[in-house]
Amino acid sequence: MYVFYKRIFDTVVAALALVLLSPLFLIIGFAVKLDSAGPVFFQQKRVGLHQKVFSMFKFRTMHPGADQKGLLTIGNEDSRITRTGK
């Protein structure tokens, strides 16, 4: 029974947080879109519990295709990161 109530609590808190933070998410989305061409979100496949693969979404902080350019960074400057991403 505890698992059922925890699931309800988690769902309600997540929905409330989504509603309260949605104005901030819109501002971040507009900033990403205005800063550079490409999608607002970055999608990546991750491995989760019991080796189940899921899609993770986050706001894009790098230029499109930057993950294919390699991992080399020099000092604190990384040309792959957008101004908004910094």
PDB file of N, CA and C in Angstrom:
ATOM      1  N   MET A   1       0.817  -1.190   0.000  1.00  0.00           N
ATOM      2  CA  MET A   1       0.000   0.000   0.000  1.00  0.00           C
ATOM      3  C   MET A   1       0.864   1.258   0.000  1.00  0.00           C
ATOM      4  N   TYR A   2       2.024   1.184   0.703  1.00  0.00           N
ATOM      5  CA  TYR A   2       2.940   2.324   0.769  1.00  0.00           C
ATOM      6  C   TYR A   2       3.404   2.736  -0.627  1.00  0.00           C
ATOM      7  N   VAL A   3       3.698   1.754  -1.482  1.00  0.00           N
ATOM      8  CA  VAL A   3       4.177   2.032  -2.835  1.00  0.00           C
ATOM      9  C   VAL A   3       3.120   2.800  -3.627  1.00  0.00           C
ATOM     10  N   PHE A   4       1.862   2.455  -3.431  1.00  0.00           N
ATOM     11  CA  PHE A   4       0.766   3.139  -4.119  1.00  0.00           C
ATOM     12  C   PHE A   4       0.711   4.610  -3.716  1.00  0.00           C
ATOM     13  N   TYR A   5       0.795   4.897  -2.423  1.00  0.00           N
ATOM     14  CA  TYR A   5       0.739   6.286  -1.952  1.00  0.00           C
ATOM     15  C   TYR A   5       1.980   7.074  -2.360  1.00  0.00           C
ATOM     16  N   LYS A   6       3.114   6.411  -2.364  1.00  0.00           N
ATOM     17  CA  LYS A   6       4.337   7.082  -2.802  1.00  0.00           C
ATOM     18  C   LYS A   6       4.234   7.448  -4.273  1.00  0.00           C
ATOM     19  N   ARG A   7       3.676   6.560  -5.070  1.00  0.00           N
ATOM     20  CA  ARG A   7       3.502   6.829  -6.504  1.00  0.00           C
ATOM     21  C   ARG A   7       2.580   8.026  -6.708  1.00  0.00           C
ATOM     22  N   ILE A   8       1.486   8.096  -5.962  1.00  0.00           N
ATOM     23  CA  ILE A   8       0.561   9.233  -6.062  1.00  0.00           C
ATOM     24  C   ILE A   8       1.269  10.519  -5.635  1.00  0.00           C
ATOM     25  N   PHE A   9       1.986  10.469  -4.526  1.00  0.00           N
ATOM     26  CA  PHE A   9       2.726  11.637  -4.039  1.00  0.00           C
ATOM     27  C   PHE A   9       3.733  12.109  -5.093  1.00  0.00           C
ATOM     28  N   ASP A  10       4.518  11.194  -5.645  1.00  0.00           N
ATOM     29  CA  ASP A  10       5.513  11.548  -6.649  1.00  0.00           C
ATOM     30  C   ASP A  10       4.862  12.181  -7.880  1.00  0.00           C
ATOM     31  N   THR A  11       3.736  11.640  -8.315  1.00  0.00           N
ATOM     32  CA  THR A  11       3.041  12.162  -9.487  1.00  0.00           C
ATOM     33  C   THR A  11       2.497  13.559  -9.234  1.00  0.00           C
ATOM     34  N   VAL A  12       1.901  13.771  -8.075  1.00  0.00           N
ATOM     35  CA  VAL A  12       1.346  15.086  -7.738  1.00  0.00           C
ATOM     36  C   VAL A  12       2.452  16.130  -7.613  1.00  0.00           C
ATOM     37  N   VAL A  13       3.535  15.792  -6.944  1.00  0.00           N
ATOM     38  CA  VAL A  13       4.648  16.737  -6.776  1.00  0.00           C
ATOM     39  C   VAL A  13       5.293  17.056  -8.129  1.00  0.00           C
ATOM     40  N   ALA A  14       5.468  16.058  -8.976  1.00  0.00           N
ATOM     41  CA  ALA A  14       6.057  16.283 -10.297  1.00  0.00           C
ATOM     42  C   ALA A  14       5.155  17.172 -11.154  1.00  0.00           C
ATOM     43  N   ALA A  15       3.851  16.933 -11.113  1.00  0.00           N
ATOM     44  CA  ALA A  15       2.922  17.755 -11.882  1.00  0.00           C
ATOM     45  C   ALA A  15       2.910  19.192 -11.372  1.00  0.00           C
ATOM     46  N   LEU A  16       2.923  19.370 -10.074  1.00  0.00           N
ATOM     47  CA  LEU A  16       2.964  20.702  -9.486  1.00  0.00           C
ATOM     48  C   LEU A  16       4.257  21.426  -9.857  1.00  0.00           C
ATOM     49  N   ALA A  17       5.383  20.733  -9.778  1.00  0.00           N
ATOM     50  CA  ALA A  17       6.668  21.330 -10.144  1.00  0.00           C
ATOM     51  C   ALA A  17       6.686  21.719 -11.622  1.00  0.00           C
ATOM     52  N   LEU A  18       6.112  20.889 -12.473  1.00  0.00           N
ATOM     53  CA  LEU A  18       6.049  21.187 -13.903  1.00  0.00           C
ATOM     54  C   LEU A  18       5.249  22.458 -14.161  1.00  0.00           C
ATOM     55  N   VAL A  19       4.121  22.599 -13.489  1.00  0.00           N
ATOM     56  CA  VAL A  19       3.290  23.800 -13.651  1.00  0.00           C
ATOM     57  C   VAL A  19       4.022  25.035 -13.134  1.00  0.00           C
ATOM     58  N   LEU A  20       4.636  24.936 -11.963  1.00  0.00           N
ATOM     59  CA  LEU A  20       5.309  26.082 -11.374  1.00  0.00           C
ATOM     60  C   LEU A  20       6.565  26.493 -12.157  1.00  0.00           C
ATOM     61  N   LEU A  21       7.268  25.538 -12.722  1.00  0.00           N
ATOM     62  CA  LEU A  21       8.505  25.828 -13.434  1.00  0.00           C
ATOM     63  C   LEU A  21       8.326  26.064 -14.934  1.00  0.00           C
ATOM     64  N   SER A  22       7.119  25.874 -15.452  1.00  0.00           N
ATOM     65  CA  SER A  22       6.905  26.022 -16.893  1.00  0.00           C
ATOM     66  C   SER A  22       7.270  27.410 -17.430  1.00  0.00           C
ATOM     67  N   PRO A  23       7.027  28.527 -16.714  1.00  0.00           N
ATOM     68  CA  PRO A  23       7.496  29.817 -17.247  1.00  0.00           C
ATOM     69  C   PRO A  23       9.024  29.863 -17.402  1.00  0.00           C
ATOM     70  N   LEU A  24       9.746  29.299 -16.452  1.00  0.00           N
ATOM     71  CA  LEU A  24      11.201  29.255 -16.554  1.00  0.00           C
ATOM     72  C   LEU A  24      11.629  28.384 -17.728  1.00  0.00           C
ATOM     73  N   PHE A  25      10.959  27.253 -17.917  1.00  0.00           N
ATOM     74  CA  PHE A  25      11.279  26.373 -19.045  1.00  0.00           C
ATOM     75  C   PHE A  25      11.040  27.080 -20.375  1.00  0.00           C
ATOM     76  N   LEU A  26       9.986  27.870 -20.475  1.00  0.00           N
ATOM     77  CA  LEU A  26       9.724  28.624 -21.705  1.00  0.00           C
ATOM     78  C   LEU A  26      10.824  29.643 -21.976  1.00  0.00           C
ATOM     79  N   ILE A  27      11.260  30.341 -20.943  1.00  0.00           N
ATOM     80  CA  ILE A  27      12.333  31.333 -21.102  1.00  0.00           C
ATOM     81  C   ILE A  27      13.624  30.647 -21.551  1.00  0.00           C
ATOM     82  N   ILE A  28      13.959  29.540 -20.929  1.00  0.00           N
ATOM     83  CA  ILE A  28      15.167  28.801 -21.320  1.00  0.00           C
ATOM     84  C   ILE A  28      15.052  28.307 -22.761  1.00  0.00           C
ATOM     85  N   GLY A  29      13.888  27.791 -23.126  1.00  0.00           N
ATOM     86  CA  GLY A  29      13.669  27.315 -24.490  1.00  0.00           C
ATOM     87  C   GLY A  29      13.838  28.421 -25.517  1.00  0.00           C
ATOM     88  N   PHE A  30      13.276  29.600 -25.249  1.00  0.00           N
ATOM     89  CA  PHE A  30      13.436  30.738 -26.164  1.00  0.00           C
ATOM     90  C   PHE A  30      14.901  31.160 -26.242  1.00  0.00           C
ATOM     91  N   ALA A  31      15.603  31.163 -25.121  1.00  0.00           N
ATOM     92  CA  ALA A  31      17.015  31.551 -25.115  1.00  0.00           C
ATOM     93  C   ALA A  31      17.854  30.587 -25.953  1.00  0.00           C
ATOM     94  N   VAL A  32      17.595  29.303 -25.838  1.00  0.00           N
ATOM     95  CA  VAL A  32      18.331  28.304 -26.619  1.00  0.00           C
ATOM     96  C   VAL A  32      18.042  28.494 -28.105  1.00  0.00           C
ATOM     97  N   LYS A  33      16.783  28.717 -28.435  1.00  0.00           N
ATOM     98  CA  LYS A  33      16.389  28.854 -29.841  1.00  0.00           C
ATOM     99  C   LYS A  33      16.960  30.126 -30.463  1.00  0.00           C
ATOM    100  N   LEU A  34      16.979  31.215 -29.703  1.00  0.00           N
ATOM    101  CA  LEU A  34      17.516  32.474 -30.227  1.00  0.00           C
ATOM    102  C   LEU A  34      19.035  32.454 -30.340  1.00  0.00           C
ATOM    103  N   ASP A  35      19.700  31.698 -29.492  1.00  0.00           N
ATOM    104  CA  ASP A  35      21.160  31.676 -29.445  1.00  0.00           C
ATOM    105  C   ASP A  35      21.776  30.949 -30.633  1.00  0.00           C
ATOM    106  N   SER A  36      21.186  29.845 -31.049  1.00  0.00           N
ATOM    107  CA  SER A  36      21.772  29.067 -32.134  1.00  0.00           C
ATOM    108  C   SER A  36      20.696  28.265 -32.854  1.00  0.00           C
ATOM    109  N   ALA A  37      20.998  27.923 -34.097  1.00  0.00           N
ATOM    110  CA  ALA A  37      20.065  27.121 -34.890  1.00  0.00           C
ATOM    111  C   ALA A  37      20.044  25.693 -34.352  1.00  0.00           C
ATOM    112  N   GLY A  38      18.937  25.034 -34.576  1.00  0.00           N
ATOM    113  CA  GLY A  38      18.831  23.645 -34.140  1.00  0.00           C
ATOM    114  C   GLY A  38      17.703  23.472 -33.150  1.00  0.00           C
ATOM    115  N   PRO A  39      17.506  22.244 -32.705  1.00  0.00           N
ATOM    116  CA  PRO A  39      16.419  21.956 -31.770  1.00  0.00           C
ATOM    117  C   PRO A  39      16.696  22.518 -30.381  1.00  0.00           C
ATOM    118  N   VAL A  40      15.639  22.713 -29.617  1.00  0.00           N
ATOM    119  CA  VAL A  40      15.758  23.219 -28.248  1.00  0.00           C
ATOM    120  C   VAL A  40      16.248  22.110 -27.315  1.00  0.00           C
ATOM    121  N   PHE A  41      15.820  20.895 -27.576  1.00  0.00           N
ATOM    122  CA  PHE A  41      16.162  19.779 -26.694  1.00  0.00           C
ATOM    123  C   PHE A  41      17.211  18.863 -27.311  1.00  0.00           C
ATOM    124  N   PHE A  42      18.030  18.275 -26.440  1.00  0.00           N
ATOM    125  CA  PHE A  42      19.004  17.255 -26.819  1.00  0.00           C
ATOM    126  C   PHE A  42      18.452  15.932 -26.310  1.00  0.00           C
ATOM    127  N   GLN A  43      18.448  14.925 -27.171  1.00  0.00           N
ATOM    128  CA  GLN A  43      17.930  13.609 -26.800  1.00  0.00           C
ATOM    129  C   GLN A  43      19.071  12.607 -26.838  1.00  0.00           C
ATOM    130  N   GLN A  44      19.130  11.771 -25.819  1.00  0.00           N
ATOM    131  CA  GLN A  44      20.167  10.756 -25.749  1.00  0.00           C
ATOM    132  C   GLN A  44      19.586   9.478 -25.152  1.00  0.00           C
ATOM    133  N   LYS A  45      20.027   8.357 -25.664  1.00  0.00           N
ATOM    134  CA  LYS A  45      19.613   7.063 -25.114  1.00  0.00           C
ATOM    135  C   LYS A  45      20.488   6.744 -23.908  1.00  0.00           C
ATOM    136  N   ARG A  46      19.861   6.314 -22.823  1.00  0.00           N
ATOM    137  CA  ARG A  46      20.568   5.930 -21.609  1.00  0.00           C
ATOM    138  C   ARG A  46      20.092   4.561 -21.168  1.00  0.00           C
ATOM    139  N   VAL A  47      20.886   3.897 -20.356  1.00  0.00           N
ATOM    140  CA  VAL A  47      20.524   2.594 -19.814  1.00  0.00           C
ATOM    141  C   VAL A  47      20.106   2.804 -18.367  1.00  0.00           C
ATOM    142  N   GLY A  48      18.905   2.324 -18.037  1.00  0.00           N
ATOM    143  CA  GLY A  48      18.366   2.512 -16.704  1.00  0.00           C
ATOM    144  C   GLY A  48      18.287   1.228 -15.913  1.00  0.00           C
ATOM    145  N   LEU A  49      17.359   1.204 -14.984  1.00  0.00           N
ATOM    146  CA  LEU A  49      17.159   0.071 -14.104  1.00  0.00           C
ATOM    147  C   LEU A  49      16.854  -1.193 -14.898  1.00  0.00           C
ATOM    148  N   HIS A  50      17.465  -2.276 -14.529  1.00  0.00           N
ATOM    149  CA  HIS A  50      17.302  -3.584 -15.187  1.00  0.00           C
ATOM    150  C   HIS A  50      17.725  -3.530 -16.655  1.00  0.00           C
ATOM    151  N   GLN A  51      18.717  -2.688 -16.948  1.00  0.00           N
ATOM    152  CA  GLN A  51      19.278  -2.561 -18.302  1.00  0.00           C
ATOM    153  C   GLN A  51      18.247  -2.109 -19.335  1.00  0.00           C
ATOM    154  N   LYS A  52      17.214  -1.421 -18.907  1.00  0.00           N
ATOM    155  CA  LYS A  52      16.187  -0.928 -19.820  1.00  0.00           C
ATOM    156  C   LYS A  52      16.644   0.404 -20.417  1.00  0.00           C
ATOM    157  N   VAL A  53      16.622   0.499 -21.746  1.00  0.00           N
ATOM    158  CA  VAL A  53      17.050   1.711 -22.442  1.00  0.00           C
ATOM    159  C   VAL A  53      15.892   2.701 -22.467  1.00  0.00           C
ATOM    160  N   PHE A  54      16.200   3.985 -22.155  1.00  0.00           N
ATOM    161  CA  PHE A  54      15.182   5.027 -22.202  1.00  0.00           C
ATOM    162  C   PHE A  54      15.773   6.265 -22.854  1.00  0.00           C
ATOM    163  N   SER A  55      14.918   7.158 -23.334  1.00  0.00           N
ATOM    164  CA  SER A  55      15.354   8.406 -23.939  1.00  0.00           C
ATOM    165  C   SER A  55      15.377   9.496 -22.884  1.00  0.00           C
ATOM    166  N   MET A  56      16.498  10.207 -22.804  1.00  0.00           N
ATOM    167  CA  MET A  56      16.638  11.309 -21.872  1.00  0.00           C
ATOM    168  C   MET A  56      16.612  12.601 -22.690  1.00  0.00           C
ATOM    169  N   PHE A  57      15.849  13.582 -22.232  1.00  0.00           N
ATOM    170  CA  PHE A  57      15.771  14.868 -22.899  1.00  0.00           C
ATOM    171  C   PHE A  57      16.296  15.940 -21.956  1.00  0.00           C
ATOM    172  N   LYS A  58      17.048  16.892 -22.500  1.00  0.00           N
ATOM    173  CA  LYS A  58      17.482  18.037 -21.713  1.00  0.00           C
ATOM    174  C   LYS A  58      17.647  19.226 -22.655  1.00  0.00           C
ATOM    175  N   PHE A  59      17.695  20.422 -22.078  1.00  0.00           N
ATOM    176  CA  PHE A  59      17.912  21.596 -22.905  1.00  0.00           C
ATOM    177  C   PHE A  59      19.296  21.512 -23.536  1.00  0.00           C
ATOM    178  N   ARG A  60      19.380  21.894 -24.805  1.00  0.00           N
ATOM    179  CA  ARG A  60      20.632  21.805 -25.549  1.00  0.00           C
ATOM    180  C   ARG A  60      21.586  22.912 -25.103  1.00  0.00           C
ATOM    181  N   THR A  61      22.817  22.552 -24.752  1.00  0.00           N
ATOM    182  CA  THR A  61      23.835  23.517 -24.359  1.00  0.00           C
ATOM    183  C   THR A  61      24.979  23.574 -25.361  1.00  0.00           C
ATOM    184  N   MET A  62      24.985  22.651 -26.311  1.00  0.00           N
ATOM    185  CA  MET A  62      26.041  22.618 -27.327  1.00  0.00           C
ATOM    186  C   MET A  62      25.435  22.807 -28.706  1.00  0.00           C
ATOM    187  N   HIS A  63      26.284  23.172 -29.657  1.00  0.00           N
ATOM    188  CA  HIS A  63      25.834  23.316 -31.043  1.00  0.00           C
ATOM    189  C   HIS A  63      25.424  21.947 -31.582  1.00  0.00           C
ATOM    190  N   PRO A  64      24.455  21.902 -32.512  1.00  0.00           N
ATOM    191  CA  PRO A  64      24.042  20.611 -33.078  1.00  0.00           C
ATOM    192  C   PRO A  64      25.234  19.875 -33.691  1.00  0.00           C
ATOM    193  N   GLY A  65      25.331  18.595 -33.415  1.00  0.00           N
ATOM    194  CA  GLY A  65      26.406  17.762 -33.934  1.00  0.00           C
ATOM    195  C   GLY A  65      27.707  17.871 -33.161  1.00  0.00           C
ATOM    196  N   ALA A  66      27.736  18.637 -32.081  1.00  0.00           N
ATOM    197  CA  ALA A  66      28.969  18.816 -31.307  1.00  0.00           C
ATOM    198  C   ALA A  66      29.426  17.512 -30.670  1.00  0.00           C
ATOM    199  N   ASP A  67      28.495  16.620 -30.380  1.00  0.00           N
ATOM    200  CA  ASP A  67      28.880  15.342 -29.770  1.00  0.00           C
ATOM    201  C   ASP A  67      29.665  14.470 -30.751  1.00  0.00           C
ATOM    202  N   GLN A  68      29.589  14.765 -32.042  1.00  0.00           N
ATOM    203  CA  GLN A  68      30.323  14.013 -33.059  1.00  0.00           C
ATOM    204  C   GLN A  68      31.703  14.605 -33.329  1.00  0.00           C
ATOM    205  N   LYS A  69      31.985  15.798 -32.813  1.00  0.00           N
ATOM    206  CA  LYS A  69      33.236  16.505 -33.109  1.00  0.00           C
ATOM    207  C   LYS A  69      34.392  16.081 -32.221  1.00  0.00           C
ATOM    208  N   GLY A  70      34.160  15.318 -31.203  1.00  0.00           N
ATOM    209  CA  GLY A  70      35.244  14.876 -30.339  1.00  0.00           C
ATOM    210  C   GLY A  70      35.134  15.465 -28.950  1.00  0.00           C
ATOM    211  N   LEU A  71      36.064  15.122 -28.094  1.00  0.00           N
ATOM    212  CA  LEU A  71      36.012  15.514 -26.700  1.00  0.00           C
ATOM    213  C   LEU A  71      37.096  16.527 -26.322  1.00  0.00           C
ATOM    214  N   LEU A  72      37.850  17.047 -27.276  1.00  0.00           N
ATOM    215  CA  LEU A  72      38.963  17.937 -26.983  1.00  0.00           C
ATOM    216  C   LEU A  72      38.471  19.301 -26.524  1.00  0.00           C
ATOM    217  N   THR A  73      38.928  19.723 -25.372  1.00  0.00           N
ATOM    218  CA  THR A  73      38.676  21.079 -24.892  1.00  0.00           C
ATOM    219  C   THR A  73      40.013  21.688 -24.499  1.00  0.00           C
ATOM    220  N   ILE A  74      40.132  22.979 -24.701  1.00  0.00           N
ATOM    221  CA  ILE A  74      41.369  23.677 -24.374  1.00  0.00           C
ATOM    222  C   ILE A  74      41.049  24.713 -23.316  1.00  0.00           C
ATOM    223  N   GLY A  75      41.553  24.503 -22.103  1.00  0.00           N
ATOM    224  CA  GLY A  75      41.286  25.429 -21.015  1.00  0.00           C
ATOM    225  C   GLY A  75      39.813  25.487 -20.692  1.00  0.00           C
ATOM    226  N   ASN A  76      39.321  26.681 -20.398  1.00  0.00           N
ATOM    227  CA  ASN A  76      37.919  26.868 -20.065  1.00  0.00           C
ATOM    228  C   ASN A  76      37.061  27.142 -21.292  1.00  0.00           C
ATOM    229  N   GLU A  77      37.691  27.333 -22.438  1.00  0.00           N
ATOM    230  CA  GLU A  77      36.949  27.641 -23.659  1.00  0.00           C
ATOM    231  C   GLU A  77      36.681  26.372 -24.454  1.00  0.00           C
ATOM    232  N   ASP A  78      35.439  26.150 -24.774  1.00  0.00           N
ATOM    233  CA  ASP A  78      35.030  25.014 -25.584  1.00  0.00           C
ATOM    234  C   ASP A  78      34.131  25.549 -26.680  1.00  0.00           C
ATOM    235  N   SER A  79      34.577  25.498 -27.913  1.00  0.00           N
ATOM    236  CA  SER A  79      33.832  26.080 -29.028  1.00  0.00           C
ATOM    237  C   SER A  79      32.529  25.343 -29.307  1.00  0.00           C
ATOM    238  N   ARG A  80      32.346  24.172 -28.734  1.00  0.00           N
ATOM    239  CA  ARG A  80      31.122  23.410 -28.972  1.00  0.00           C
ATOM    240  C   ARG A  80      29.953  23.911 -28.162  1.00  0.00           C
ATOM    241  N   ILE A  81      30.223  24.647 -27.077  1.00  0.00           N
ATOM    242  CA  ILE A  81      29.170  25.108 -26.166  1.00  0.00           C
ATOM    243  C   ILE A  81      28.613  26.437 -26.644  1.00  0.00           C
ATOM    244  N   THR A  82      27.297  26.578 -26.621  1.00  0.00           N
ATOM    245  CA  THR A  82      26.647  27.825 -27.024  1.00  0.00           C
ATOM    246  C   THR A  82      26.772  28.867 -25.915  1.00  0.00           C
ATOM    247  N   ARG A  83      26.467  30.127 -26.243  1.00  0.00           N
ATOM    248  CA  ARG A  83      26.507  31.178 -25.221  1.00  0.00           C
ATOM    249  C   ARG A  83      25.504  30.889 -24.114  1.00  0.00           C
ATOM    250  N   THR A  84      24.331  30.434 -24.476  1.00  0.00           N
ATOM    251  CA  THR A  84      23.312  30.093 -23.484  1.00  0.00           C
ATOM    252  C   THR A  84      23.775  28.921 -22.624  1.00  0.00           C
ATOM    253  N   GLY A  85      24.472  27.990 -23.216  1.00  0.00           N
ATOM    254  CA  GLY A  85      24.971  26.826 -22.496  1.00  0.00           C
ATOM    255  C   GLY A  85      26.015  27.163 -21.451  1.00  0.00           C
ATOM    256  N   LYS A  86      26.730  28.251 -21.681  1.00  0.00           N
ATOM    257  CA  LYS A  86      27.748  28.666 -20.710  1.00  0.00           C
ATOM    258  C   LYS A  86      27.078  29.236 -19.496  1.00  0.00           C
TER     259      LYS A  86
END
